[in-house]
Amino acid sequence: MASKQYTDEFKAEAVKQVTERGFAVAEVAKRLGVSSHSLYQWLRKAKREALAGTPEGSMLPTPRDSAEVRQLKAEVKRLTEERDILKKSRGVLRQGVMAKYAFMREHLGEFRLTAMSRVPDP
């Protein structure tokens, strides 16, 4: 299914209906036959363009910033999980392979198996 191409004038008019005339996004999207998602994207783009020359505009996150934030959040989640595993294990992981496997079986619902396997011996 090919996506529709809309003119810049059409997009600008749709954005105006929301920003200047106060119509709801869902209502405008339904009336014009576009998805709400597309209309929200057009609104974000219009806001960025309006703020481009202002100090507030320089504070808006770029797609590169967003990707970096996602990557950092994933790393924080991974490190937090590893820390929690080490706190829970309290030296059990040093007691040998059978103790490690028993710990993993016991905490399988709480932690991911790959994370428990990745945590080094303390």
PDB file of N, CA and C in Angstrom:
ATOM      1  N   MET A   1       0.845  -1.179   0.000  1.00  0.00           N
ATOM      2  CA  MET A   1       0.000   0.000   0.000  1.00  0.00           C
ATOM      3  C   MET A   1       0.887   1.238   0.000  1.00  0.00           C
ATOM      4  N   ALA A   2       0.733   2.060  -1.015  1.00  0.00           N
ATOM      5  CA  ALA A   2       1.538   3.269  -1.145  1.00  0.00           C
ATOM      6  C   ALA A   2       0.980   4.360  -0.245  1.00  0.00           C
ATOM      7  N   SER A   3       1.886   5.132   0.326  1.00  0.00           N
ATOM      8  CA  SER A   3       1.427   6.222   1.184  1.00  0.00           C
ATOM      9  C   SER A   3       1.067   7.423   0.310  1.00  0.00           C
ATOM     10  N   LYS A   4       0.093   8.181   0.751  1.00  0.00           N
ATOM     11  CA  LYS A   4      -0.368   9.348  -0.003  1.00  0.00           C
ATOM     12  C   LYS A   4       0.609  10.495   0.192  1.00  0.00           C
ATOM     13  N   GLN A   5       0.742  11.281  -0.837  1.00  0.00           N
ATOM     14  CA  GLN A   5       1.569  12.473  -0.766  1.00  0.00           C
ATOM     15  C   GLN A   5       0.638  13.688  -0.696  1.00  0.00           C
ATOM     16  N   TYR A   6       0.819  14.509   0.297  1.00  0.00           N
ATOM     17  CA  TYR A   6      -0.009  15.695   0.460  1.00  0.00           C
ATOM     18  C   TYR A   6       0.828  16.926   0.177  1.00  0.00           C
ATOM     19  N   THR A   7       0.199  17.940  -0.379  1.00  0.00           N
ATOM     20  CA  THR A   7       0.916  19.174  -0.682  1.00  0.00           C
ATOM     21  C   THR A   7       1.214  19.914   0.619  1.00  0.00           C
ATOM     22  N   ASP A   8       2.190  20.788   0.542  1.00  0.00           N
ATOM     23  CA  ASP A   8       2.542  21.600   1.709  1.00  0.00           C
ATOM     24  C   ASP A   8       1.376  22.502   2.122  1.00  0.00           C
ATOM     25  N   GLU A   9       0.623  22.991   1.127  1.00  0.00           N
ATOM     26  CA  GLU A   9      -0.525  23.846   1.428  1.00  0.00           C
ATOM     27  C   GLU A   9      -1.599  23.065   2.193  1.00  0.00           C
ATOM     28  N   PHE A  10      -1.831  21.819   1.775  1.00  0.00           N
ATOM     29  CA  PHE A  10      -2.813  20.969   2.455  1.00  0.00           C
ATOM     30  C   PHE A  10      -2.400  20.741   3.904  1.00  0.00           C
ATOM     31  N   LYS A  11      -1.118  20.440   4.113  1.00  0.00           N
ATOM     32  CA  LYS A  11      -0.605  20.197   5.463  1.00  0.00           C
ATOM     33  C   LYS A  11      -0.730  21.461   6.315  1.00  0.00           C
ATOM     34  N   ALA A  12      -0.371  22.611   5.718  1.00  0.00           N
ATOM     35  CA  ALA A  12      -0.434  23.874   6.452  1.00  0.00           C
ATOM     36  C   ALA A  12      -1.868  24.195   6.862  1.00  0.00           C
ATOM     37  N   GLU A  13      -2.822  23.934   5.966  1.00  0.00           N
ATOM     38  CA  GLU A  13      -4.228  24.197   6.290  1.00  0.00           C
ATOM     39  C   GLU A  13      -4.718  23.273   7.399  1.00  0.00           C
ATOM     40  N   ALA A  14      -4.290  22.009   7.353  1.00  0.00           N
ATOM     41  CA  ALA A  14      -4.679  21.062   8.399  1.00  0.00           C
ATOM     42  C   ALA A  14      -4.128  21.503   9.747  1.00  0.00           C
ATOM     43  N   VAL A  15      -2.883  21.960   9.762  1.00  0.00           N
ATOM     44  CA  VAL A  15      -2.254  22.431  10.997  1.00  0.00           C
ATOM     45  C   VAL A  15      -2.969  23.671  11.516  1.00  0.00           C
ATOM     46  N   LYS A  16      -3.332  24.577  10.619  1.00  0.00           N
ATOM     47  CA  LYS A  16      -4.057  25.793  11.018  1.00  0.00           C
ATOM     48  C   LYS A  16      -5.384  25.460  11.690  1.00  0.00           C
ATOM     49  N   GLN A  17      -6.078  24.454  11.166  1.00  0.00           N
ATOM     50  CA  GLN A  17      -7.372  24.092  11.740  1.00  0.00           C
ATOM     51  C   GLN A  17      -7.222  23.667  13.193  1.00  0.00           C
ATOM     52  N   VAL A  18      -6.093  23.069  13.514  1.00  0.00           N
ATOM     53  CA  VAL A  18      -5.863  22.632  14.896  1.00  0.00           C
ATOM     54  C   VAL A  18      -5.341  23.785  15.740  1.00  0.00           C
ATOM     55  N   THR A  19      -4.319  24.483  15.226  1.00  0.00           N
ATOM     56  CA  THR A  19      -3.650  25.497  16.047  1.00  0.00           C
ATOM     57  C   THR A  19      -4.418  26.806  16.153  1.00  0.00           C
ATOM     58  N   GLU A  20      -4.973  27.279  15.054  1.00  0.00           N
ATOM     59  CA  GLU A  20      -5.617  28.588  15.064  1.00  0.00           C
ATOM     60  C   GLU A  20      -7.128  28.515  15.296  1.00  0.00           C
ATOM     61  N   ARG A  21      -7.749  27.494  14.758  1.00  0.00           N
ATOM     62  CA  ARG A  21      -9.206  27.412  14.870  1.00  0.00           C
ATOM     63  C   ARG A  21      -9.667  26.559  16.043  1.00  0.00           C
ATOM     64  N   GLY A  22      -8.742  25.834  16.656  1.00  0.00           N
ATOM     65  CA  GLY A  22      -9.067  25.101  17.873  1.00  0.00           C
ATOM     66  C   GLY A  22      -9.776  23.771  17.707  1.00  0.00           C
ATOM     67  N   PHE A  23      -9.785  23.223  16.497  1.00  0.00           N
ATOM     68  CA  PHE A  23     -10.414  21.918  16.303  1.00  0.00           C
ATOM     69  C   PHE A  23      -9.524  20.814  16.885  1.00  0.00           C
ATOM     70  N   ALA A  24     -10.125  19.704  17.274  1.00  0.00           N
ATOM     71  CA  ALA A  24      -9.374  18.565  17.805  1.00  0.00           C
ATOM     72  C   ALA A  24      -8.646  17.853  16.663  1.00  0.00           C
ATOM     73  N   VAL A  25      -7.504  17.290  16.979  1.00  0.00           N
ATOM     74  CA  VAL A  25      -6.696  16.599  15.975  1.00  0.00           C
ATOM     75  C   VAL A  25      -7.481  15.459  15.341  1.00  0.00           C
ATOM     76  N   ALA A  26      -8.133  14.647  16.165  1.00  0.00           N
ATOM     77  CA  ALA A  26      -8.890  13.510  15.642  1.00  0.00           C
ATOM     78  C   ALA A  26      -9.998  13.971  14.703  1.00  0.00           C
ATOM     79  N   GLU A  27     -10.652  15.054  15.054  1.00  0.00           N
ATOM     80  CA  GLU A  27     -11.751  15.567  14.229  1.00  0.00           C
ATOM     81  C   GLU A  27     -11.235  16.043  12.868  1.00  0.00           C
ATOM     82  N   VAL A  28     -10.149  16.819  12.879  1.00  0.00           N
ATOM     83  CA  VAL A  28      -9.575  17.326  11.626  1.00  0.00           C
ATOM     84  C   VAL A  28      -9.066  16.174  10.771  1.00  0.00           C
ATOM     85  N   ALA A  29      -8.397  15.227  11.389  1.00  0.00           N
ATOM     86  CA  ALA A  29      -7.853  14.090  10.658  1.00  0.00           C
ATOM     87  C   ALA A  29      -8.961  13.292   9.982  1.00  0.00           C
ATOM     88  N   LYS A  30     -10.037  13.053  10.709  1.00  0.00           N
ATOM     89  CA  LYS A  30     -11.162  12.286  10.151  1.00  0.00           C
ATOM     90  C   LYS A  30     -11.809  13.058   9.003  1.00  0.00           C
ATOM     91  N   ARG A  31     -12.020  14.355   9.203  1.00  0.00           N
ATOM     92  CA  ARG A  31     -12.675  15.182   8.182  1.00  0.00           C
ATOM     93  C   ARG A  31     -11.845  15.253   6.897  1.00  0.00           C
ATOM     94  N   LEU A  32     -10.517  15.321   7.045  1.00  0.00           N
ATOM     95  CA  LEU A  32      -9.647  15.448   5.870  1.00  0.00           C
ATOM     96  C   LEU A  32      -9.218  14.096   5.297  1.00  0.00           C
ATOM     97  N   GLY A  33      -9.504  13.027   6.021  1.00  0.00           N
ATOM     98  CA  GLY A  33      -9.151  11.704   5.518  1.00  0.00           C
ATOM     99  C   GLY A  33      -7.685  11.357   5.662  1.00  0.00           C
ATOM    100  N   VAL A  34      -7.059  11.894   6.711  1.00  0.00           N
ATOM    101  CA  VAL A  34      -5.654  11.558   6.999  1.00  0.00           C
ATOM    102  C   VAL A  34      -5.598  10.894   8.370  1.00  0.00           C
ATOM    103  N   SER A  35      -4.489  10.242   8.642  1.00  0.00           N
ATOM    104  CA  SER A  35      -4.363   9.608   9.956  1.00  0.00           C
ATOM    105  C   SER A  35      -4.007  10.657  11.007  1.00  0.00           C
ATOM    106  N   SER A  36      -4.409  10.395  12.228  1.00  0.00           N
ATOM    107  CA  SER A  36      -4.060  11.297  13.334  1.00  0.00           C
ATOM    108  C   SER A  36      -2.546  11.364  13.491  1.00  0.00           C
ATOM    109  N   HIS A  37      -1.898  10.223  13.265  1.00  0.00           N
ATOM    110  CA  HIS A  37      -0.435  10.165  13.387  1.00  0.00           C
ATOM    111  C   HIS A  37       0.222  11.162  12.430  1.00  0.00           C
ATOM    112  N   SER A  38      -0.244  11.181  11.173  1.00  0.00           N
ATOM    113  CA  SER A  38       0.314  12.113  10.187  1.00  0.00           C
ATOM    114  C   SER A  38       0.094  13.557  10.620  1.00  0.00           C
ATOM    115  N   LEU A  39      -1.100  13.843  11.091  1.00  0.00           N
ATOM    116  CA  LEU A  39      -1.413  15.211  11.513  1.00  0.00           C
ATOM    117  C   LEU A  39      -0.537  15.633  12.698  1.00  0.00           C
ATOM    118  N   TYR A  40      -0.315  14.713  13.651  1.00  0.00           N
ATOM    119  CA  TYR A  40       0.572  15.034  14.769  1.00  0.00           C
ATOM    120  C   TYR A  40       2.003  15.302  14.277  1.00  0.00           C
ATOM    121  N   GLN A  41       2.450  14.546  13.292  1.00  0.00           N
ATOM    122  CA  GLN A  41       3.784  14.790  12.733  1.00  0.00           C
ATOM    123  C   GLN A  41       3.852  16.169  12.087  1.00  0.00           C
ATOM    124  N   TRP A  42       2.811  16.538  11.345  1.00  0.00           N
ATOM    125  CA  TRP A  42       2.781  17.853  10.722  1.00  0.00           C
ATOM    126  C   TRP A  42       2.776  18.955  11.766  1.00  0.00           C
ATOM    127  N   LEU A  43       2.069  18.740  12.869  1.00  0.00           N
ATOM    128  CA  LEU A  43       2.044  19.727  13.953  1.00  0.00           C
ATOM    129  C   LEU A  43       3.428  19.884  14.574  1.00  0.00           C
ATOM    130  N   ARG A  44       4.109  18.763  14.824  1.00  0.00           N
ATOM    131  CA  ARG A  44       5.464  18.834  15.392  1.00  0.00           C
ATOM    132  C   ARG A  44       6.416  19.576  14.456  1.00  0.00           C
ATOM    133  N   LYS A  45       6.332  19.270  13.164  1.00  0.00           N
ATOM    134  CA  LYS A  45       7.200  19.922  12.187  1.00  0.00           C
ATOM    135  C   LYS A  45       6.919  21.424  12.146  1.00  0.00           C
ATOM    136  N   ALA A  46       5.639  21.792  12.155  1.00  0.00           N
ATOM    137  CA  ALA A  46       5.270  23.213  12.129  1.00  0.00           C
ATOM    138  C   ALA A  46       5.794  23.922  13.377  1.00  0.00           C
ATOM    139  N   LYS A  47       5.708  23.257  14.517  1.00  0.00           N
ATOM    140  CA  LYS A  47       6.199  23.860  15.761  1.00  0.00           C
ATOM    141  C   LYS A  47       7.710  24.062  15.695  1.00  0.00           C
ATOM    142  N   ARG A  48       8.419  23.060  15.186  1.00  0.00           N
ATOM    143  CA  ARG A  48       9.879  23.186  15.050  1.00  0.00           C
ATOM    144  C   ARG A  48      10.243  24.338  14.124  1.00  0.00           C
ATOM    145  N   GLU A  49       9.533  24.418  13.002  1.00  0.00           N
ATOM    146  CA  GLU A  49       9.811  25.487  12.040  1.00  0.00           C
ATOM    147  C   GLU A  49       9.508  26.857  12.632  1.00  0.00           C
ATOM    148  N   ALA A  50       8.444  26.961  13.418  1.00  0.00           N
ATOM    149  CA  ALA A  50       8.083  28.238  14.034  1.00  0.00           C
ATOM    150  C   ALA A  50       9.105  28.662  15.081  1.00  0.00           C
ATOM    151  N   LEU A  51       9.688  27.671  15.767  1.00  0.00           N
ATOM    152  CA  LEU A  51      10.651  27.985  16.825  1.00  0.00           C
ATOM    153  C   LEU A  51      12.098  27.961  16.343  1.00  0.00           C
ATOM    154  N   ALA A  52      12.315  27.760  15.051  1.00  0.00           N
ATOM    155  CA  ALA A  52      13.666  27.554  14.520  1.00  0.00           C
ATOM    156  C   ALA A  52      14.627  28.690  14.868  1.00  0.00           C
ATOM    157  N   GLY A  53      14.198  29.922  14.785  1.00  0.00           N
ATOM    158  CA  GLY A  53      15.092  31.036  15.030  1.00  0.00           C
ATOM    159  C   GLY A  53      15.118  31.516  16.471  1.00  0.00           C
ATOM    160  N   THR A  54      14.380  30.892  17.345  1.00  0.00           N
ATOM    161  CA  THR A  54      14.278  31.345  18.727  1.00  0.00           C
ATOM    162  C   THR A  54      15.146  30.491  19.646  1.00  0.00           C
ATOM    163  N   PRO A  55      15.443  31.001  20.830  1.00  0.00           N
ATOM    164  CA  PRO A  55      16.212  30.191  21.789  1.00  0.00           C
ATOM    165  C   PRO A  55      15.491  28.897  22.175  1.00  0.00           C
ATOM    166  N   GLU A  56      14.150  28.954  22.231  1.00  0.00           N
ATOM    167  CA  GLU A  56      13.397  27.747  22.564  1.00  0.00           C
ATOM    168  C   GLU A  56      13.579  26.674  21.494  1.00  0.00           C
ATOM    169  N   GLY A  57      13.707  27.119  20.244  1.00  0.00           N
ATOM    170  CA  GLY A  57      13.873  26.186  19.138  1.00  0.00           C
ATOM    171  C   GLY A  57      15.176  25.422  19.204  1.00  0.00           C
ATOM    172  N   SER A  58      16.204  26.068  19.728  1.00  0.00           N
ATOM    173  CA  SER A  58      17.498  25.382  19.829  1.00  0.00           C
ATOM    174  C   SER A  58      17.493  24.344  20.945  1.00  0.00           C
ATOM    175  N   MET A  59      16.496  24.402  21.821  1.00  0.00           N
ATOM    176  CA  MET A  59      16.400  23.441  22.918  1.00  0.00           C
ATOM    177  C   MET A  59      15.616  22.180  22.535  1.00  0.00           C
ATOM    178  N   LEU A  60      14.917  22.207  21.388  1.00  0.00           N
ATOM    179  CA  LEU A  60      14.137  21.046  20.967  1.00  0.00           C
ATOM    180  C   LEU A  60      15.067  19.895  20.600  1.00  0.00           C
ATOM    181  N   PRO A  61      14.712  18.682  20.969  1.00  0.00           N
ATOM    182  CA  PRO A  61      15.567  17.540  20.641  1.00  0.00           C
ATOM    183  C   PRO A  61      15.532  17.223  19.150  1.00  0.00           C
ATOM    184  N   THR A  62      16.678  16.850  18.627  1.00  0.00           N
ATOM    185  CA  THR A  62      16.769  16.436  17.234  1.00  0.00           C
ATOM    186  C   THR A  62      16.593  14.922  17.167  1.00  0.00           C
ATOM    187  N   PRO A  63      16.345  14.379  15.988  1.00  0.00           N
ATOM    188  CA  PRO A  63      16.242  12.913  15.878  1.00  0.00           C
ATOM    189  C   PRO A  63      17.501  12.205  16.375  1.00  0.00           C
ATOM    190  N   ARG A  64      18.649  12.811  16.170  1.00  0.00           N
ATOM    191  CA  ARG A  64      19.908  12.225  16.656  1.00  0.00           C
ATOM    192  C   ARG A  64      19.916  12.177  18.188  1.00  0.00           C
ATOM    193  N   ASP A  65      19.430  13.264  18.809  1.00  0.00           N
ATOM    194  CA  ASP A  65      19.341  13.295  20.273  1.00  0.00           C
ATOM    195  C   ASP A  65      18.389  12.213  20.766  1.00  0.00           C
ATOM    196  N   SER A  66      17.270  12.062  20.084  1.00  0.00           N
ATOM    197  CA  SER A  66      16.286  11.057  20.484  1.00  0.00           C
ATOM    198  C   SER A  66      16.866   9.651  20.419  1.00  0.00           C
ATOM    199  N   ALA A  67      17.635   9.364  19.380  1.00  0.00           N
ATOM    200  CA  ALA A  67      18.264   8.049  19.251  1.00  0.00           C
ATOM    201  C   ALA A  67      19.268   7.820  20.374  1.00  0.00           C
ATOM    202  N   GLU A  68      20.017   8.866  20.698  1.00  0.00           N
ATOM    203  CA  GLU A  68      20.996   8.756  21.777  1.00  0.00           C
ATOM    204  C   GLU A  68      20.300   8.541  23.122  1.00  0.00           C
ATOM    205  N   VAL A  69      19.205   9.233  23.349  1.00  0.00           N
ATOM    206  CA  VAL A  69      18.449   9.073  24.597  1.00  0.00           C
ATOM    207  C   VAL A  69      17.920   7.649  24.711  1.00  0.00           C
ATOM    208  N   ARG A  70      17.371   7.110  23.609  1.00  0.00           N
ATOM    209  CA  ARG A  70      16.877   5.715  23.621  1.00  0.00           C
ATOM    210  C   ARG A  70      18.010   4.744  23.950  1.00  0.00           C
ATOM    211  N   GLN A  71      19.173   4.968  23.346  1.00  0.00           N
ATOM    212  CA  GLN A  71      20.323   4.100  23.593  1.00  0.00           C
ATOM    213  C   GLN A  71      20.761   4.186  25.049  1.00  0.00           C
ATOM    214  N   LEU A  72      20.804   5.379  25.589  1.00  0.00           N
ATOM    215  CA  LEU A  72      21.216   5.556  26.979  1.00  0.00           C
ATOM    216  C   LEU A  72      20.205   4.955  27.951  1.00  0.00           C
ATOM    217  N   LYS A  73      18.913   5.078  27.642  1.00  0.00           N
ATOM    218  CA  LYS A  73      17.888   4.470  28.496  1.00  0.00           C
ATOM    219  C   LYS A  73      18.015   2.955  28.503  1.00  0.00           C
ATOM    220  N   ALA A  74      18.311   2.375  27.341  1.00  0.00           N
ATOM    221  CA  ALA A  74      18.486   0.921  27.268  1.00  0.00           C
ATOM    222  C   ALA A  74      19.704   0.489  28.082  1.00  0.00           C
ATOM    223  N   GLU A  75      20.763   1.282  28.022  1.00  0.00           N
ATOM    224  CA  GLU A  75      21.962   0.958  28.794  1.00  0.00           C
ATOM    225  C   GLU A  75      21.703   1.076  30.294  1.00  0.00           C
ATOM    226  N   VAL A  76      20.979   2.099  30.701  1.00  0.00           N
ATOM    227  CA  VAL A  76      20.638   2.259  32.120  1.00  0.00           C
ATOM    228  C   VAL A  76      19.795   1.083  32.593  1.00  0.00           C
ATOM    229  N   LYS A  77      18.845   0.655  31.774  1.00  0.00           N
ATOM    230  CA  LYS A  77      17.997  -0.484  32.131  1.00  0.00           C
ATOM    231  C   LYS A  77      18.839  -1.747  32.298  1.00  0.00           C
ATOM    232  N   ARG A  78      19.771  -1.972  31.357  1.00  0.00           N
ATOM    233  CA  ARG A  78      20.630  -3.150  31.428  1.00  0.00           C
ATOM    234  C   ARG A  78      21.508  -3.116  32.673  1.00  0.00           C
ATOM    235  N   LEU A  79      22.130  -1.987  32.931  1.00  0.00           N
ATOM    236  CA  LEU A  79      23.026  -1.870  34.091  1.00  0.00           C
ATOM    237  C   LEU A  79      22.255  -1.982  35.411  1.00  0.00           C
ATOM    238  N   THR A  80      21.054  -1.429  35.461  1.00  0.00           N
ATOM    239  CA  THR A  80      20.229  -1.542  36.662  1.00  0.00           C
ATOM    240  C   THR A  80      19.868  -2.995  36.919  1.00  0.00           C
ATOM    241  N   GLU A  81      19.524  -3.709  35.865  1.00  0.00           N
ATOM    242  CA  GLU A  81      19.187  -5.122  36.015  1.00  0.00           C
ATOM    243  C   GLU A  81      20.397  -5.915  36.502  1.00  0.00           C
ATOM    244  N   GLU A  82      21.570  -5.657  35.925  1.00  0.00           N
ATOM    245  CA  GLU A  82      22.783  -6.362  36.366  1.00  0.00           C
ATOM    246  C   GLU A  82      23.097  -6.052  37.830  1.00  0.00           C
ATOM    247  N   ARG A  83      22.923  -4.797  38.211  1.00  0.00           N
ATOM    248  CA  ARG A  83      23.159  -4.419  39.603  1.00  0.00           C
ATOM    249  C   ARG A  83      22.212  -5.163  40.538  1.00  0.00           C
ATOM    250  N   ASP A  84      20.935  -5.210  40.147  1.00  0.00           N
ATOM    251  CA  ASP A  84      19.940  -5.901  40.973  1.00  0.00           C
ATOM    252  C   ASP A  84      20.249  -7.394  41.089  1.00  0.00           C
ATOM    253  N   ILE A  85      20.720  -7.988  40.013  1.00  0.00           N
ATOM    254  CA  ILE A  85      21.092  -9.406  40.046  1.00  0.00           C
ATOM    255  C   ILE A  85      22.232  -9.617  41.033  1.00  0.00           C
ATOM    256  N   LEU A  86      23.239  -8.757  40.968  1.00  0.00           N
ATOM    257  CA  LEU A  86      24.373  -8.883  41.885  1.00  0.00           C
ATOM    258  C   LEU A  86      23.942  -8.676  43.332  1.00  0.00           C
ATOM    259  N   LYS A  87      23.037  -7.732  43.561  1.00  0.00           N
ATOM    260  CA  LYS A  87      22.560  -7.505  44.929  1.00  0.00           C
ATOM    261  C   LYS A  87      21.789  -8.718  45.439  1.00  0.00           C
ATOM    262  N   LYS A  88      20.961  -9.308  44.578  1.00  0.00           N
ATOM    263  CA  LYS A  88      20.170 -10.465  44.984  1.00  0.00           C
ATOM    264  C   LYS A  88      21.034 -11.700  45.226  1.00  0.00           C
ATOM    265  N   SER A  89      22.075 -11.849  44.429  1.00  0.00           N
ATOM    266  CA  SER A  89      22.859 -13.091  44.492  1.00  0.00           C
ATOM    267  C   SER A  89      23.680 -13.207  45.772  1.00  0.00           C
ATOM    268  N   ARG A  90      24.122 -12.111  46.325  1.00  0.00           N
ATOM    269  CA  ARG A  90      24.886 -12.091  47.575  1.00  0.00           C
ATOM    270  C   ARG A  90      25.943 -13.189  47.639  1.00  0.00           C
ATOM    271  N   GLY A  91      26.723 -13.315  46.593  1.00  0.00           N
ATOM    272  CA  GLY A  91      27.817 -14.279  46.608  1.00  0.00           C
ATOM    273  C   GLY A  91      27.442 -15.663  46.130  1.00  0.00           C
ATOM    274  N   VAL A  92      26.182 -15.916  45.868  1.00  0.00           N
ATOM    275  CA  VAL A  92      25.764 -17.236  45.380  1.00  0.00           C
ATOM    276  C   VAL A  92      26.462 -17.547  44.062  1.00  0.00           C
ATOM    277  N   LEU A  93      26.682 -16.529  43.250  1.00  0.00           N
ATOM    278  CA  LEU A  93      27.302 -16.750  41.952  1.00  0.00           C
ATOM    279  C   LEU A  93      28.758 -17.215  42.065  1.00  0.00           C
ATOM    280  N   ARG A  94      29.382 -17.039  43.214  1.00  0.00           N
ATOM    281  CA  ARG A  94      30.758 -17.502  43.435  1.00  0.00           C
ATOM    282  C   ARG A  94      30.816 -18.962  43.873  1.00  0.00           C
ATOM    283  N   GLN A  95      29.705 -19.559  44.197  1.00  0.00           N
ATOM    284  CA  GLN A  95      29.691 -20.885  44.797  1.00  0.00           C
ATOM    285  C   GLN A  95      29.771 -22.024  43.790  1.00  0.00           C
ATOM    286  N   GLY A  96      29.845 -21.730  42.527  1.00  0.00           N
ATOM    287  CA  GLY A  96      29.973 -22.784  41.535  1.00  0.00           C
ATOM    288  C   GLY A  96      28.806 -22.822  40.582  1.00  0.00           C
ATOM    289  N   VAL A  97      28.953 -23.699  39.589  1.00  0.00           N
ATOM    290  CA  VAL A  97      27.994 -23.774  38.503  1.00  0.00           C
ATOM    291  C   VAL A  97      26.606 -24.193  38.986  1.00  0.00           C
ATOM    292  N   MET A  98      26.517 -25.187  39.823  1.00  0.00           N
ATOM    293  CA  MET A  98      25.214 -25.675  40.279  1.00  0.00           C
ATOM    294  C   MET A  98      24.466 -24.596  41.068  1.00  0.00           C
ATOM    295  N   ALA A  99      25.186 -23.837  41.883  1.00  0.00           N
ATOM    296  CA  ALA A  99      24.561 -22.754  42.648  1.00  0.00           C
ATOM    297  C   ALA A  99      24.077 -21.648  41.706  1.00  0.00           C
ATOM    298  N   LYS A 100      24.869 -21.362  40.654  1.00  0.00           N
ATOM    299  CA  LYS A 100      24.459 -20.358  39.670  1.00  0.00           C
ATOM    300  C   LYS A 100      23.163 -20.774  38.991  1.00  0.00           C
ATOM    301  N   TYR A 101      23.112 -22.042  38.552  1.00  0.00           N
ATOM    302  CA  TYR A 101      21.922 -22.518  37.865  1.00  0.00           C
ATOM    303  C   TYR A 101      20.702 -22.515  38.784  1.00  0.00           C
ATOM    304  N   ALA A 102      20.909 -22.863  40.030  1.00  0.00           N
ATOM    305  CA  ALA A 102      19.796 -22.842  40.987  1.00  0.00           C
ATOM    306  C   ALA A 102      19.292 -21.408  41.174  1.00  0.00           C
ATOM    307  N   PHE A 103      20.223 -20.463  41.275  1.00  0.00           N
ATOM    308  CA  PHE A 103      19.864 -19.046  41.409  1.00  0.00           C
ATOM    309  C   PHE A 103      19.084 -18.588  40.178  1.00  0.00           C
ATOM    310  N   MET A 104      19.547 -18.995  39.002  1.00  0.00           N
ATOM    311  CA  MET A 104      18.885 -18.590  37.759  1.00  0.00           C
ATOM    312  C   MET A 104      17.466 -19.153  37.682  1.00  0.00           C
ATOM    313  N   ARG A 105      17.307 -20.412  38.048  1.00  0.00           N
ATOM    314  CA  ARG A 105      15.973 -21.019  38.025  1.00  0.00           C
ATOM    315  C   ARG A 105      15.036 -20.300  38.999  1.00  0.00           C
ATOM    316  N   GLU A 106      15.554 -19.993  40.166  1.00  0.00           N
ATOM    317  CA  GLU A 106      14.752 -19.353  41.210  1.00  0.00           C
ATOM    318  C   GLU A 106      14.305 -17.951  40.819  1.00  0.00           C
ATOM    319  N   HIS A 107      15.143 -17.219  40.071  1.00  0.00           N
ATOM    320  CA  HIS A 107      14.855 -15.818  39.752  1.00  0.00           C
ATOM    321  C   HIS A 107      14.509 -15.600  38.284  1.00  0.00           C
ATOM    322  N   LEU A 108      14.130 -16.656  37.586  1.00  0.00           N
ATOM    323  CA  LEU A 108      13.825 -16.552  36.167  1.00  0.00           C
ATOM    324  C   LEU A 108      12.652 -15.614  35.883  1.00  0.00           C
ATOM    325  N   GLY A 109      11.673 -15.569  36.749  1.00  0.00           N
ATOM    326  CA  GLY A 109      10.536 -14.672  36.552  1.00  0.00           C
ATOM    327  C   GLY A 109      10.866 -13.214  36.829  1.00  0.00           C
ATOM    328  N   GLU A 110      11.922 -12.998  37.562  1.00  0.00           N
ATOM    329  CA  GLU A 110      12.286 -11.639  37.966  1.00  0.00           C
ATOM    330  C   GLU A 110      13.300 -10.995  37.024  1.00  0.00           C
ATOM    331  N   PHE A 111      14.254 -11.792  36.535  1.00  0.00           N
ATOM    332  CA  PHE A 111      15.312 -11.291  35.657  1.00  0.00           C
ATOM    333  C   PHE A 111      15.340 -12.096  34.364  1.00  0.00           C
ATOM    334  N   ARG A 112      15.850 -11.464  33.314  1.00  0.00           N
ATOM    335  CA  ARG A 112      16.002 -12.181  32.042  1.00  0.00           C
ATOM    336  C   ARG A 112      17.180 -13.141  32.158  1.00  0.00           C
ATOM    337  N   LEU A 113      17.065 -14.302  31.536  1.00  0.00           N
ATOM    338  CA  LEU A 113      18.117 -15.321  31.588  1.00  0.00           C
ATOM    339  C   LEU A 113      19.408 -14.798  30.963  1.00  0.00           C
ATOM    340  N   THR A 114      19.285 -14.042  29.875  1.00  0.00           N
ATOM    341  CA  THR A 114      20.493 -13.508  29.238  1.00  0.00           C
ATOM    342  C   THR A 114      21.228 -12.540  30.164  1.00  0.00           C
ATOM    343  N   ALA A 115      20.486 -11.778  30.934  1.00  0.00           N
ATOM    344  CA  ALA A 115      21.119 -10.830  31.858  1.00  0.00           C
ATOM    345  C   ALA A 115      21.817 -11.581  32.995  1.00  0.00           C
ATOM    346  N   MET A 116      21.167 -12.632  33.505  1.00  0.00           N
ATOM    347  CA  MET A 116      21.792 -13.400  34.588  1.00  0.00           C
ATOM    348  C   MET A 116      23.034 -14.131  34.087  1.00  0.00           C
ATOM    349  N   SER A 117      23.020 -14.560  32.844  1.00  0.00           N
ATOM    350  CA  SER A 117      24.174 -15.256  32.266  1.00  0.00           C
ATOM    351  C   SER A 117      25.318 -14.292  32.028  1.00  0.00           C
ATOM    352  N   ARG A 118      24.997 -13.048  31.732  1.00  0.00           N
ATOM    353  CA  ARG A 118      26.004 -12.051  31.396  1.00  0.00           C
ATOM    354  C   ARG A 118      26.719 -11.484  32.623  1.00  0.00           C
ATOM    355  N   VAL A 119      26.066 -11.517  33.784  1.00  0.00           N
ATOM    356  CA  VAL A 119      26.639 -10.928  34.985  1.00  0.00           C
ATOM    357  C   VAL A 119      27.876 -11.714  35.391  1.00  0.00           C
ATOM    358  N   PRO A 120      29.001 -11.006  35.544  1.00  0.00           N
ATOM    359  CA  PRO A 120      30.238 -11.712  35.933  1.00  0.00           C
ATOM    360  C   PRO A 120      30.208 -12.139  37.396  1.00  0.00           C
ATOM    361  N   ASP A 121      31.078 -13.061  37.729  1.00  0.00           N
ATOM    362  CA  ASP A 121      31.218 -13.463  39.133  1.00  0.00           C
ATOM    363  C   ASP A 121      31.770 -12.285  39.916  1.00  0.00           C
ATOM    364  N   PRO A 122      31.179 -11.985  41.051  1.00  0.00           N
ATOM    365  CA  PRO A 122      31.655 -10.844  41.853  1.00  0.00           C
ATOM    366  C   PRO A 122      33.005 -11.119  42.474  1.00  0.00           C
TER     367      PRO A 122
END
